[in-house]
Structures are given as C-alpha cells and as structure tokens.
Amino acid sequence: SASWPHLAAWRLRIAQRRAVRRVIDAMIDFLRGASRPVPT
C-alpha cells in the first residue's frame, strides 16, 4: 500500500464484494487445508 496506494485500495474494495468473497473464501479454505500460503 506504500508503493501502490491506489491499487491496494482498489483491491480491498473488490475483496469486500460478496460474490468475490464467496469464491476466494473457498479457495483460501482449500489452500489452508493443503498447508499452502494465503495472501496476507
């Protein structure tokens, strides 16, 4: 967010959308179940 503040703010806006969360939450659950890294 220090290097690309506009892009980081955009990413948070998109990540808060219900349709987006529905998909990435399932992906995150799969990654965690496989002990794989998840974006911070």
PDB file of all heavy atoms in Angstrom:
ATOM      1  N   SER A   1       0.834  -1.208   0.000  1.00  0.00           N
ATOM      2  CA  SER A   1       0.000   0.000   0.000  1.00  0.00           C
ATOM      3  C   SER A   1       0.866   1.253   0.000  1.00  0.00           C
ATOM      4  O   SER A   1       0.415   2.315  -0.435  1.00  0.00           O
ATOM      5  CB  SER A   1      -0.933   0.000   1.213  1.00  0.00           C
ATOM      6  OG  SER A   1      -0.191  -0.076   2.413  1.00  0.00           O
ATOM      7  N   ALA A   2       2.109   1.141   0.462  1.00  0.00           N
ATOM      8  CA  ALA A   2       3.018   2.286   0.435  1.00  0.00           C
ATOM      9  C   ALA A   2       3.482   2.572  -0.992  1.00  0.00           C
ATOM     10  O   ALA A   2       3.577   3.733  -1.408  1.00  0.00           O
ATOM     11  CB  ALA A   2       4.222   2.019   1.338  1.00  0.00           C
ATOM     12  N   SER A   3       3.760   1.523  -1.751  1.00  0.00           N
ATOM     13  CA  SER A   3       4.244   1.701  -3.123  1.00  0.00           C
ATOM     14  C   SER A   3       3.123   1.949  -4.120  1.00  0.00           C
ATOM     15  O   SER A   3       3.289   2.722  -5.071  1.00  0.00           O
ATOM     16  CB  SER A   3       5.038   0.465  -3.559  1.00  0.00           C
ATOM     17  OG  SER A   3       6.164   0.252  -2.736  1.00  0.00           O
ATOM     18  N   TRP A   4       1.975   1.282  -3.909  1.00  0.00           N
ATOM     19  CA  TRP A   4       0.863   1.375  -4.863  1.00  0.00           C
ATOM     20  C   TRP A   4      -0.442   1.611  -4.095  1.00  0.00           C
ATOM     21  O   TRP A   4      -1.307   0.716  -4.018  1.00  0.00           O
ATOM     22  CB  TRP A   4       0.782   0.081  -5.686  1.00  0.00           C
ATOM     23  CG  TRP A   4       2.074  -0.237  -6.383  1.00  0.00           C
ATOM     24  CD1 TRP A   4       2.630   0.418  -7.442  1.00  0.00           C
ATOM     25  CD2 TRP A   4       2.984  -1.306  -6.058  1.00  0.00           C
ATOM     26  NE1 TRP A   4       3.820  -0.165  -7.805  1.00  0.00           N
ATOM     27  CE2 TRP A   4       4.067  -1.229  -6.973  1.00  0.00           C
ATOM     28  CE3 TRP A   4       2.995  -2.308  -5.092  1.00  0.00           C
ATOM     29  CZ2 TRP A   4       5.141  -2.114  -6.937  1.00  0.00           C
ATOM     30  CZ3 TRP A   4       4.064  -3.198  -5.065  1.00  0.00           C
ATOM     31  CH2 TRP A   4       5.117  -3.101  -5.964  1.00  0.00           C
ATOM     32  N   PRO A   5      -0.616   2.792  -3.522  1.00  0.00           N
ATOM     33  CA  PRO A   5      -1.775   3.031  -2.636  1.00  0.00           C
ATOM     34  C   PRO A   5      -3.113   2.934  -3.338  1.00  0.00           C
ATOM     35  O   PRO A   5      -4.084   2.428  -2.759  1.00  0.00           O
ATOM     36  CB  PRO A   5      -1.525   4.448  -2.108  1.00  0.00           C
ATOM     37  CG  PRO A   5      -0.623   5.091  -3.124  1.00  0.00           C
ATOM     38  CD  PRO A   5       0.248   3.983  -3.634  1.00  0.00           C
ATOM     39  N   HIS A   6      -3.207   3.418  -4.579  1.00  0.00           N
ATOM     40  CA  HIS A   6      -4.490   3.377  -5.298  1.00  0.00           C
ATOM     41  C   HIS A   6      -4.866   1.933  -5.620  1.00  0.00           C
ATOM     42  O   HIS A   6      -6.033   1.537  -5.492  1.00  0.00           O
ATOM     43  CB  HIS A   6      -4.414   4.204  -6.583  1.00  0.00           C
ATOM     44  CG  HIS A   6      -3.923   5.600  -6.370  1.00  0.00           C
ATOM     45  ND1 HIS A   6      -4.596   6.513  -5.592  1.00  0.00           N
ATOM     46  CD2 HIS A   6      -2.804   6.234  -6.817  1.00  0.00           C
ATOM     47  CE1 HIS A   6      -3.938   7.661  -5.580  1.00  0.00           C
ATOM     48  NE2 HIS A   6      -2.845   7.505  -6.315  1.00  0.00           N
ATOM     49  N   LEU A   7      -3.879   1.161  -6.007  1.00  0.00           N
ATOM     50  CA  LEU A   7      -4.126  -0.237  -6.350  1.00  0.00           C
ATOM     51  C   LEU A   7      -4.495  -1.045  -5.103  1.00  0.00           C
ATOM     52  O   LEU A   7      -5.399  -1.880  -5.144  1.00  0.00           O
ATOM     53  CB  LEU A   7      -2.878  -0.822  -7.011  1.00  0.00           C
ATOM     54  CG  LEU A   7      -2.972  -2.243  -7.567  1.00  0.00           C
ATOM     55  CD1 LEU A   7      -4.104  -2.359  -8.579  1.00  0.00           C
ATOM     56  CD2 LEU A   7      -1.644  -2.649  -8.200  1.00  0.00           C
ATOM     57  N   ALA A   8      -3.813  -0.793  -3.996  1.00  0.00           N
ATOM     58  CA  ALA A   8      -4.118  -1.510  -2.759  1.00  0.00           C
ATOM     59  C   ALA A   8      -5.533  -1.197  -2.278  1.00  0.00           C
ATOM     60  O   ALA A   8      -6.253  -2.081  -1.806  1.00  0.00           O
ATOM     61  CB  ALA A   8      -3.097  -1.162  -1.682  1.00  0.00           C
ATOM     62  N   ALA A   9      -5.950   0.071  -2.400  1.00  0.00           N
ATOM     63  CA  ALA A   9      -7.308   0.454  -2.005  1.00  0.00           C
ATOM     64  C   ALA A   9      -8.334  -0.208  -2.919  1.00  0.00           C
ATOM     65  O   ALA A   9      -9.393  -0.657  -2.463  1.00  0.00           O
ATOM     66  CB  ALA A   9      -7.449   1.970  -2.039  1.00  0.00           C
ATOM     67  N   TRP A  10      -8.021  -0.252  -4.215  1.00  0.00           N
ATOM     68  CA  TRP A  10      -8.919  -0.941  -5.168  1.00  0.00           C
ATOM     69  C   TRP A  10      -9.066  -2.402  -4.784  1.00  0.00           C
ATOM     70  O   TRP A  10     -10.182  -2.941  -4.781  1.00  0.00           O
ATOM     71  CB  TRP A  10      -8.333  -0.817  -6.576  1.00  0.00           C
ATOM     72  CG  TRP A  10      -8.902  -1.768  -7.580  1.00  0.00           C
ATOM     73  CD1 TRP A  10     -10.013  -1.586  -8.350  1.00  0.00           C
ATOM     74  CD2 TRP A  10      -8.370  -3.061  -7.936  1.00  0.00           C
ATOM     75  NE1 TRP A  10     -10.211  -2.683  -9.160  1.00  0.00           N
ATOM     76  CE2 TRP A  10      -9.216  -3.599  -8.936  1.00  0.00           C
ATOM     77  CE3 TRP A  10      -7.273  -3.801  -7.523  1.00  0.00           C
ATOM     78  CZ2 TRP A  10      -8.995  -4.852  -9.497  1.00  0.00           C
ATOM     79  CZ3 TRP A  10      -7.049  -5.050  -8.084  1.00  0.00           C
ATOM     80  CH2 TRP A  10      -7.902  -5.566  -9.060  1.00  0.00           C
ATOM     81  N   ARG A  11      -7.968  -3.066  -4.446  1.00  0.00           N
ATOM     82  CA  ARG A  11      -8.019  -4.483  -4.118  1.00  0.00           C
ATOM     83  C   ARG A  11      -8.923  -4.746  -2.916  1.00  0.00           C
ATOM     84  O   ARG A  11      -9.693  -5.699  -2.905  1.00  0.00           O
ATOM     85  CB  ARG A  11      -6.608  -5.012  -3.844  1.00  0.00           C
ATOM     86  CG  ARG A  11      -6.596  -6.492  -3.477  1.00  0.00           C
ATOM     87  CD  ARG A  11      -5.200  -7.053  -3.439  1.00  0.00           C
ATOM     88  NE  ARG A  11      -4.396  -6.488  -2.366  1.00  0.00           N
ATOM     89  CZ  ARG A  11      -3.132  -6.850  -2.116  1.00  0.00           C
ATOM     90  NH1 ARG A  11      -2.547  -7.744  -2.884  1.00  0.00           N
ATOM     91  NH2 ARG A  11      -2.470  -6.306  -1.129  1.00  0.00           N
ATOM     92  N   LEU A  12      -8.847  -3.899  -1.917  1.00  0.00           N
ATOM     93  CA  LEU A  12      -9.707  -4.073  -0.743  1.00  0.00           C
ATOM     94  C   LEU A  12     -11.176  -3.885  -1.109  1.00  0.00           C
ATOM     95  O   LEU A  12     -12.040  -4.598  -0.597  1.00  0.00           O
ATOM     96  CB  LEU A  12      -9.302  -3.099   0.356  1.00  0.00           C
ATOM     97  CG  LEU A  12      -7.976  -3.417   1.060  1.00  0.00           C
ATOM     98  CD1 LEU A  12      -7.655  -2.347   2.094  1.00  0.00           C
ATOM     99  CD2 LEU A  12      -8.018  -4.789   1.715  1.00  0.00           C
ATOM    100  N   ARG A  13     -11.456  -2.927  -1.996  1.00  0.00           N
ATOM    101  CA  ARG A  13     -12.854  -2.732  -2.428  1.00  0.00           C
ATOM    102  C   ARG A  13     -13.380  -3.974  -3.121  1.00  0.00           C
ATOM    103  O   ARG A  13     -14.511  -4.408  -2.870  1.00  0.00           O
ATOM    104  CB  ARG A  13     -12.961  -1.525  -3.373  1.00  0.00           C
ATOM    105  CG  ARG A  13     -12.915  -0.176  -2.706  1.00  0.00           C
ATOM    106  CD  ARG A  13     -13.356   0.927  -3.646  1.00  0.00           C
ATOM    107  NE  ARG A  13     -12.445   1.085  -4.776  1.00  0.00           N
ATOM    108  CZ  ARG A  13     -11.345   1.839  -4.749  1.00  0.00           C
ATOM    109  NH1 ARG A  13     -11.008   2.486  -3.641  1.00  0.00           N
ATOM    110  NH2 ARG A  13     -10.577   1.954  -5.818  1.00  0.00           N
ATOM    111  N   ILE A  14     -12.575  -4.538  -4.017  1.00  0.00           N
ATOM    112  CA  ILE A  14     -13.028  -5.717  -4.756  1.00  0.00           C
ATOM    113  C   ILE A  14     -13.172  -6.905  -3.810  1.00  0.00           C
ATOM    114  O   ILE A  14     -14.137  -7.684  -3.896  1.00  0.00           O
ATOM    115  CB  ILE A  14     -12.056  -6.058  -5.899  1.00  0.00           C
ATOM    116  CG1 ILE A  14     -11.871  -4.856  -6.833  1.00  0.00           C
ATOM    117  CG2 ILE A  14     -12.557  -7.270  -6.687  1.00  0.00           C
ATOM    118  CD1 ILE A  14     -13.143  -4.319  -7.440  1.00  0.00           C
ATOM    119  N   ALA A  15     -12.230  -7.061  -2.883  1.00  0.00           N
ATOM    120  CA  ALA A  15     -12.244  -8.206  -1.970  1.00  0.00           C
ATOM    121  C   ALA A  15     -13.466  -8.206  -1.061  1.00  0.00           C
ATOM    122  O   ALA A  15     -13.845  -9.255  -0.541  1.00  0.00           O
ATOM    123  CB  ALA A  15     -10.968  -8.217  -1.128  1.00  0.00           C
ATOM    124  N   GLN A  16     -14.079  -7.050  -0.866  1.00  0.00           N
ATOM    125  CA  GLN A  16     -15.243  -6.958   0.014  1.00  0.00           C
ATOM    126  C   GLN A  16     -16.556  -7.294  -0.682  1.00  0.00           C
ATOM    127  O   GLN A  16     -17.594  -7.409  -0.022  1.00  0.00           O
ATOM    128  CB  GLN A  16     -15.322  -5.550   0.607  1.00  0.00           C
ATOM    129  CG  GLN A  16     -14.196  -5.266   1.600  1.00  0.00           C
ATOM    130  CD  GLN A  16     -14.085  -3.792   1.952  1.00  0.00           C
ATOM    131  OE1 GLN A  16     -14.834  -2.955   1.442  1.00  0.00           O
ATOM    132  NE2 GLN A  16     -13.141  -3.458   2.815  1.00  0.00           N
ATOM    133  N   ARG A  17     -16.530  -7.484  -1.986  1.00  0.00           N
ATOM    134  CA  ARG A  17     -17.750  -7.811  -2.700  1.00  0.00           C
ATOM    135  C   ARG A  17     -18.186  -9.231  -2.355  1.00  0.00           C
ATOM    136  O   ARG A  17     -17.356 -10.154  -2.304  1.00  0.00           O
ATOM    137  CB  ARG A  17     -17.563  -7.662  -4.217  1.00  0.00           C
ATOM    138  CG  ARG A  17     -17.262  -6.233  -4.662  1.00  0.00           C
ATOM    139  CD  ARG A  17     -17.242  -6.130  -6.176  1.00  0.00           C
ATOM    140  NE  ARG A  17     -18.570  -6.329  -6.730  1.00  0.00           N
ATOM    141  CZ  ARG A  17     -19.453  -5.352  -6.948  1.00  0.00           C
ATOM    142  NH1 ARG A  17     -19.168  -4.099  -6.630  1.00  0.00           N
ATOM    143  NH2 ARG A  17     -20.635  -5.629  -7.479  1.00  0.00           N
ATOM    144  N   ARG A  18     -19.478  -9.425  -2.165  1.00  0.00           N
ATOM    145  CA  ARG A  18     -19.987 -10.725  -1.719  1.00  0.00           C
ATOM    146  C   ARG A  18     -19.658 -11.833  -2.705  1.00  0.00           C
ATOM    147  O   ARG A  18     -19.245 -12.934  -2.303  1.00  0.00           O
ATOM    148  CB  ARG A  18     -21.504 -10.634  -1.507  1.00  0.00           C
ATOM    149  CG  ARG A  18     -22.121 -11.924  -1.006  1.00  0.00           C
ATOM    150  CD  ARG A  18     -23.601 -11.746  -0.728  1.00  0.00           C
ATOM    151  NE  ARG A  18     -23.834 -10.754   0.316  1.00  0.00           N
ATOM    152  CZ  ARG A  18     -25.042 -10.386   0.741  1.00  0.00           C
ATOM    153  NH1 ARG A  18     -26.131 -10.926   0.199  1.00  0.00           N
ATOM    154  NH2 ARG A  18     -25.168  -9.493   1.689  1.00  0.00           N
ATOM    155  N   ALA A  19     -19.827 -11.573  -3.997  1.00  0.00           N
ATOM    156  CA  ALA A  19     -19.555 -12.605  -4.996  1.00  0.00           C
ATOM    157  C   ALA A  19     -18.083 -12.986  -5.008  1.00  0.00           C
ATOM    158  O   ALA A  19     -17.728 -14.157  -5.194  1.00  0.00           O
ATOM    159  CB  ALA A  19     -19.979 -12.119  -6.382  1.00  0.00           C
ATOM    160  N   VAL A  20     -17.218 -12.006  -4.805  1.00  0.00           N
ATOM    161  CA  VAL A  20     -15.779 -12.272  -4.787  1.00  0.00           C
ATOM    162  C   VAL A  20     -15.419 -13.090  -3.554  1.00  0.00           C
ATOM    163  O   VAL A  20     -14.696 -14.089  -3.641  1.00  0.00           O
ATOM    164  CB  VAL A  20     -14.989 -10.949  -4.828  1.00  0.00           C
ATOM    165  CG1 VAL A  20     -13.494 -11.197  -4.656  1.00  0.00           C
ATOM    166  CG2 VAL A  20     -15.263 -10.214  -6.140  1.00  0.00           C
ATOM    167  N   ARG A  21     -15.933 -12.688  -2.382  1.00  0.00           N
ATOM    168  CA  ARG A  21     -15.621 -13.413  -1.156  1.00  0.00           C
ATOM    169  C   ARG A  21     -16.091 -14.861  -1.234  1.00  0.00           C
ATOM    170  O   ARG A  21     -15.418 -15.770  -0.742  1.00  0.00           O
ATOM    171  CB  ARG A  21     -16.288 -12.739   0.048  1.00  0.00           C
ATOM    172  CG  ARG A  21     -15.782 -11.387   0.414  1.00  0.00           C
ATOM    173  CD  ARG A  21     -14.333 -11.317   0.782  1.00  0.00           C
ATOM    174  NE  ARG A  21     -13.829 -12.405   1.594  1.00  0.00           N
ATOM    175  CZ  ARG A  21     -12.620 -12.396   2.153  1.00  0.00           C
ATOM    176  NH1 ARG A  21     -11.846 -11.338   2.003  1.00  0.00           N
ATOM    177  NH2 ARG A  21     -12.193 -13.403   2.856  1.00  0.00           N
ATOM    178  N   ARG A  22     -17.226 -15.067  -1.861  1.00  0.00           N
ATOM    179  CA  ARG A  22     -17.773 -16.418  -1.960  1.00  0.00           C
ATOM    180  C   ARG A  22     -16.797 -17.351  -2.664  1.00  0.00           C
ATOM    181  O   ARG A  22     -16.637 -18.520  -2.285  1.00  0.00           O
ATOM    182  CB  ARG A  22     -19.107 -16.365  -2.710  1.00  0.00           C
ATOM    183  CG  ARG A  22     -19.827 -17.684  -2.820  1.00  0.00           C
ATOM    184  CD  ARG A  22     -21.211 -17.460  -3.396  1.00  0.00           C
ATOM    185  NE  ARG A  22     -21.931 -18.719  -3.567  1.00  0.00           N
ATOM    186  CZ  ARG A  22     -23.182 -18.799  -3.998  1.00  0.00           C
ATOM    187  NH1 ARG A  22     -23.845 -17.693  -4.302  1.00  0.00           N
ATOM    188  NH2 ARG A  22     -23.775 -19.970  -4.137  1.00  0.00           N
ATOM    189  N   VAL A  23     -16.124 -16.836  -3.666  1.00  0.00           N
ATOM    190  CA  VAL A  23     -15.198 -17.653  -4.445  1.00  0.00           C
ATOM    191  C   VAL A  23     -13.834 -17.748  -3.775  1.00  0.00           C
ATOM    192  O   VAL A  23     -13.268 -18.837  -3.636  1.00  0.00           O
ATOM    193  CB  VAL A  23     -15.072 -17.102  -5.879  1.00  0.00           C
ATOM    194  CG1 VAL A  23     -14.000 -17.853  -6.662  1.00  0.00           C
ATOM    195  CG2 VAL A  23     -16.422 -17.204  -6.596  1.00  0.00           C
ATOM    196  N   ILE A  24     -13.283 -16.609  -3.336  1.00  0.00           N
ATOM    197  CA  ILE A  24     -11.928 -16.683  -2.780  1.00  0.00           C
ATOM    198  C   ILE A  24     -11.920 -17.319  -1.395  1.00  0.00           C
ATOM    199  O   ILE A  24     -10.916 -17.921  -1.005  1.00  0.00           O
ATOM    200  CB  ILE A  24     -11.221 -15.312  -2.769  1.00  0.00           C
ATOM    201  CG1 ILE A  24     -11.909 -14.315  -1.843  1.00  0.00           C
ATOM    202  CG2 ILE A  24     -11.084 -14.775  -4.178  1.00  0.00           C
ATOM    203  CD1 ILE A  24     -11.081 -13.055  -1.620  1.00  0.00           C
ATOM    204  N   ASP A  25     -13.023 -17.237  -0.648  1.00  0.00           N
ATOM    205  CA  ASP A  25     -13.047 -17.914   0.652  1.00  0.00           C
ATOM    206  C   ASP A  25     -12.924 -19.423   0.471  1.00  0.00           C
ATOM    207  O   ASP A  25     -12.225 -20.096   1.244  1.00  0.00           O
ATOM    208  CB  ASP A  25     -14.330 -17.577   1.411  1.00  0.00           C
ATOM    209  CG  ASP A  25     -14.283 -16.193   2.050  1.00  0.00           C
ATOM    210  OD1 ASP A  25     -13.209 -15.564   2.027  1.00  0.00           O
ATOM    211  OD2 ASP A  25     -15.328 -15.744   2.564  1.00  0.00           O
ATOM    212  N   ALA A  26     -13.596 -19.967  -0.547  1.00  0.00           N
ATOM    213  CA  ALA A  26     -13.479 -21.402  -0.823  1.00  0.00           C
ATOM    214  C   ALA A  26     -12.055 -21.745  -1.245  1.00  0.00           C
ATOM    215  O   ALA A  26     -11.506 -22.786  -0.845  1.00  0.00           O
ATOM    216  CB  ALA A  26     -14.472 -21.809  -1.902  1.00  0.00           C
ATOM    217  N   MET A  27     -11.438 -20.871  -2.030  1.00  0.00           N
ATOM    218  CA  MET A  27     -10.063 -21.105  -2.465  1.00  0.00           C
ATOM    219  C   MET A  27      -9.094 -21.036  -1.284  1.00  0.00           C
ATOM    220  O   MET A  27      -8.162 -21.846  -1.173  1.00  0.00           O
ATOM    221  CB  MET A  27      -9.689 -20.075  -3.540  1.00  0.00           C
ATOM    222  CG  MET A  27      -8.399 -20.370  -4.269  1.00  0.00           C
ATOM    223  SD  MET A  27      -8.143 -19.234  -5.671  1.00  0.00           S
ATOM    224  CE  MET A  27      -9.325 -19.904  -6.854  1.00  0.00           C
ATOM    225  N   ILE A  28      -9.326 -20.083  -0.390  1.00  0.00           N
ATOM    226  CA  ILE A  28      -8.485 -19.948   0.800  1.00  0.00           C
ATOM    227  C   ILE A  28      -8.611 -21.178   1.695  1.00  0.00           C
ATOM    228  O   ILE A  28      -7.617 -21.686   2.225  1.00  0.00           O
ATOM    229  CB  ILE A  28      -8.854 -18.661   1.556  1.00  0.00           C
ATOM    230  CG1 ILE A  28      -8.391 -17.439   0.758  1.00  0.00           C
ATOM    231  CG2 ILE A  28      -8.240 -18.642   2.956  1.00  0.00           C
ATOM    232  CD1 ILE A  28      -8.994 -16.135   1.236  1.00  0.00           C
ATOM    233  N   ASP A  29      -9.837 -21.660   1.862  1.00  0.00           N
ATOM    234  CA  ASP A  29     -10.033 -22.867   2.667  1.00  0.00           C
ATOM    235  C   ASP A  29      -9.255 -24.038   2.076  1.00  0.00           C
ATOM    236  O   ASP A  29      -8.655 -24.835   2.810  1.00  0.00           O
ATOM    237  CB  ASP A  29     -11.522 -23.218   2.752  1.00  0.00           C
ATOM    238  CG  ASP A  29     -12.297 -22.264   3.655  1.00  0.00           C
ATOM    239  OD1 ASP A  29     -11.664 -21.535   4.443  1.00  0.00           O
ATOM    240  OD2 ASP A  29     -13.546 -22.257   3.556  1.00  0.00           O
ATOM    241  N   PHE A  30      -9.273 -24.160   0.761  1.00  0.00           N
ATOM    242  CA  PHE A  30      -8.542 -25.249   0.113  1.00  0.00           C
ATOM    243  C   PHE A  30      -7.042 -25.095   0.344  1.00  0.00           C
ATOM    244  O   PHE A  30      -6.346 -26.071   0.661  1.00  0.00           O
ATOM    245  CB  PHE A  30      -8.840 -25.268  -1.389  1.00  0.00           C
ATOM    246  CG  PHE A  30      -8.181 -26.397  -2.123  1.00  0.00           C
ATOM    247  CD1 PHE A  30      -8.799 -27.629  -2.228  1.00  0.00           C
ATOM    248  CD2 PHE A  30      -6.929 -26.229  -2.704  1.00  0.00           C
ATOM    249  CE1 PHE A  30      -8.184 -28.684  -2.892  1.00  0.00           C
ATOM    250  CE2 PHE A  30      -6.310 -27.284  -3.367  1.00  0.00           C
ATOM    251  CZ  PHE A  30      -6.940 -28.509  -3.462  1.00  0.00           C
ATOM    252  N   LEU A  31      -6.530 -23.877   0.198  1.00  0.00           N
ATOM    253  CA  LEU A  31      -5.100 -23.634   0.392  1.00  0.00           C
ATOM    254  C   LEU A  31      -4.676 -23.940   1.819  1.00  0.00           C
ATOM    255  O   LEU A  31      -3.650 -24.593   2.052  1.00  0.00           O
ATOM    256  CB  LEU A  31      -4.769 -22.179   0.046  1.00  0.00           C
ATOM    257  CG  LEU A  31      -4.796 -21.820  -1.440  1.00  0.00           C
ATOM    258  CD1 LEU A  31      -4.769 -20.313  -1.616  1.00  0.00           C
ATOM    259  CD2 LEU A  31      -3.610 -22.460  -2.159  1.00  0.00           C
ATOM    260  N   ARG A  32      -5.462 -23.491   2.773  1.00  0.00           N
ATOM    261  CA  ARG A  32      -5.120 -23.742   4.168  1.00  0.00           C
ATOM    262  C   ARG A  32      -5.179 -25.223   4.492  1.00  0.00           C
ATOM    263  O   ARG A  32      -4.344 -25.743   5.238  1.00  0.00           O
ATOM    264  CB  ARG A  32      -6.055 -22.947   5.072  1.00  0.00           C
ATOM    265  CG  ARG A  32      -5.732 -21.448   5.073  1.00  0.00           C
ATOM    266  CD  ARG A  32      -6.677 -20.665   5.937  1.00  0.00           C
ATOM    267  NE  ARG A  32      -6.253 -19.258   6.039  1.00  0.00           N
ATOM    268  CZ  ARG A  32      -7.057 -18.244   6.289  1.00  0.00           C
ATOM    269  NH1 ARG A  32      -8.354 -18.458   6.479  1.00  0.00           N
ATOM    270  NH2 ARG A  32      -6.579 -17.007   6.365  1.00  0.00           N
ATOM    271  N   GLY A  33      -6.148 -25.922   3.909  1.00  0.00           N
ATOM    272  CA  GLY A  33      -6.248 -27.357   4.129  1.00  0.00           C
ATOM    273  C   GLY A  33      -5.061 -28.116   3.582  1.00  0.00           C
ATOM    274  O   GLY A  33      -4.714 -29.190   4.074  1.00  0.00           O
ATOM    275  N   ALA A  34      -4.428 -27.536   2.548  1.00  0.00           N
ATOM    276  CA  ALA A  34      -3.248 -28.156   1.950  1.00  0.00           C
ATOM    277  C   ALA A  34      -1.955 -27.559   2.503  1.00  0.00           C
ATOM    278  O   ALA A  34      -0.873 -27.840   1.981  1.00  0.00           O
ATOM    279  CB  ALA A  34      -3.287 -27.984   0.430  1.00  0.00           C
ATOM    280  N   SER A  35      -2.073 -26.732   3.552  1.00  0.00           N
ATOM    281  CA  SER A  35      -0.907 -26.070   4.185  1.00  0.00           C
ATOM    282  C   SER A  35      -0.122 -25.247   3.171  1.00  0.00           C
ATOM    283  O   SER A  35       1.118 -25.241   3.169  1.00  0.00           O
ATOM    284  CB  SER A  35       0.000 -27.115   4.854  1.00  0.00           C
ATOM    285  OG  SER A  35      -0.707 -27.816   5.858  1.00  0.00           O
ATOM    286  N   ARG A  36      -0.847 -24.526   2.323  1.00  0.00           N
ATOM    287  CA  ARG A  36      -0.239 -23.668   1.313  1.00  0.00           C
ATOM    288  C   ARG A  36      -0.441 -22.204   1.691  1.00  0.00           C
ATOM    289  O   ARG A  36      -1.400 -21.860   2.384  1.00  0.00           O
ATOM    290  CB  ARG A  36      -0.857 -23.947  -0.059  1.00  0.00           C
ATOM    291  CG  ARG A  36      -0.563 -25.352  -0.576  1.00  0.00           C
ATOM    292  CD  ARG A  36       0.892 -25.499  -0.948  1.00  0.00           C
ATOM    293  NE  ARG A  36       1.258 -26.857  -1.283  1.00  0.00           N
ATOM    294  CZ  ARG A  36       2.045 -27.173  -2.324  1.00  0.00           C
ATOM    295  NH1 ARG A  36       2.513 -26.234  -3.098  1.00  0.00           N
ATOM    296  NH2 ARG A  36       2.359 -28.441  -2.543  1.00  0.00           N
ATOM    297  N   PRO A  37       0.449 -21.312   1.223  1.00  0.00           N
ATOM    298  CA  PRO A  37       0.354 -19.902   1.613  1.00  0.00           C
ATOM    299  C   PRO A  37      -0.904 -19.229   1.087  1.00  0.00           C
ATOM    300  O   PRO A  37      -1.403 -19.552   0.004  1.00  0.00           O
ATOM    301  CB  PRO A  37       1.618 -19.282   1.009  1.00  0.00           C
ATOM    302  CG  PRO A  37       2.027 -20.215  -0.091  1.00  0.00           C
ATOM    303  CD  PRO A  37       1.612 -21.579   0.369  1.00  0.00           C
ATOM    304  N   VAL A  38      -1.377 -18.298   1.900  1.00  0.00           N
ATOM    305  CA  VAL A  38      -2.548 -17.485   1.554  1.00  0.00           C
ATOM    306  C   VAL A  38      -2.117 -16.032   1.561  1.00  0.00           C
ATOM    307  O   VAL A  38      -1.362 -15.616   2.451  1.00  0.00           O
ATOM    308  CB  VAL A  38      -3.688 -17.722   2.582  1.00  0.00           C
ATOM    309  CG1 VAL A  38      -4.843 -16.766   2.327  1.00  0.00           C
ATOM    310  CG2 VAL A  38      -4.164 -19.163   2.531  1.00  0.00           C
ATOM    311  N   PRO A  39      -2.541 -15.221   0.595  1.00  0.00           N
ATOM    312  CA  PRO A  39      -2.165 -13.795   0.611  1.00  0.00           C
ATOM    313  C   PRO A  39      -2.515 -13.139   1.947  1.00  0.00           C
ATOM    314  O   PRO A  39      -3.604 -13.356   2.478  1.00  0.00           O
ATOM    315  CB  PRO A  39      -2.975 -13.209  -0.547  1.00  0.00           C
ATOM    316  CG  PRO A  39      -3.197 -14.354  -1.468  1.00  0.00           C
ATOM    317  CD  PRO A  39      -3.349 -15.557  -0.583  1.00  0.00           C
ATOM    318  N   THR A  40      -1.626 -12.326   2.458  1.00  0.00           N
ATOM    319  CA  THR A  40      -1.806 -11.737   3.779  1.00  0.00           C
ATOM    320  C   THR A  40      -3.010 -10.795   3.849  1.00  0.00           C
ATOM    321  O   THR A  40      -3.618 -10.648   4.902  1.00  0.00           O
ATOM    322  CB  THR A  40      -0.556 -10.981   4.215  1.00  0.00           C
ATOM    323  OG1 THR A  40      -0.229  -9.994   3.208  1.00  0.00           O
ATOM    324  CG2 THR A  40       0.630 -11.931   4.361  1.00  0.00           C
TER     325      THR A  40
END
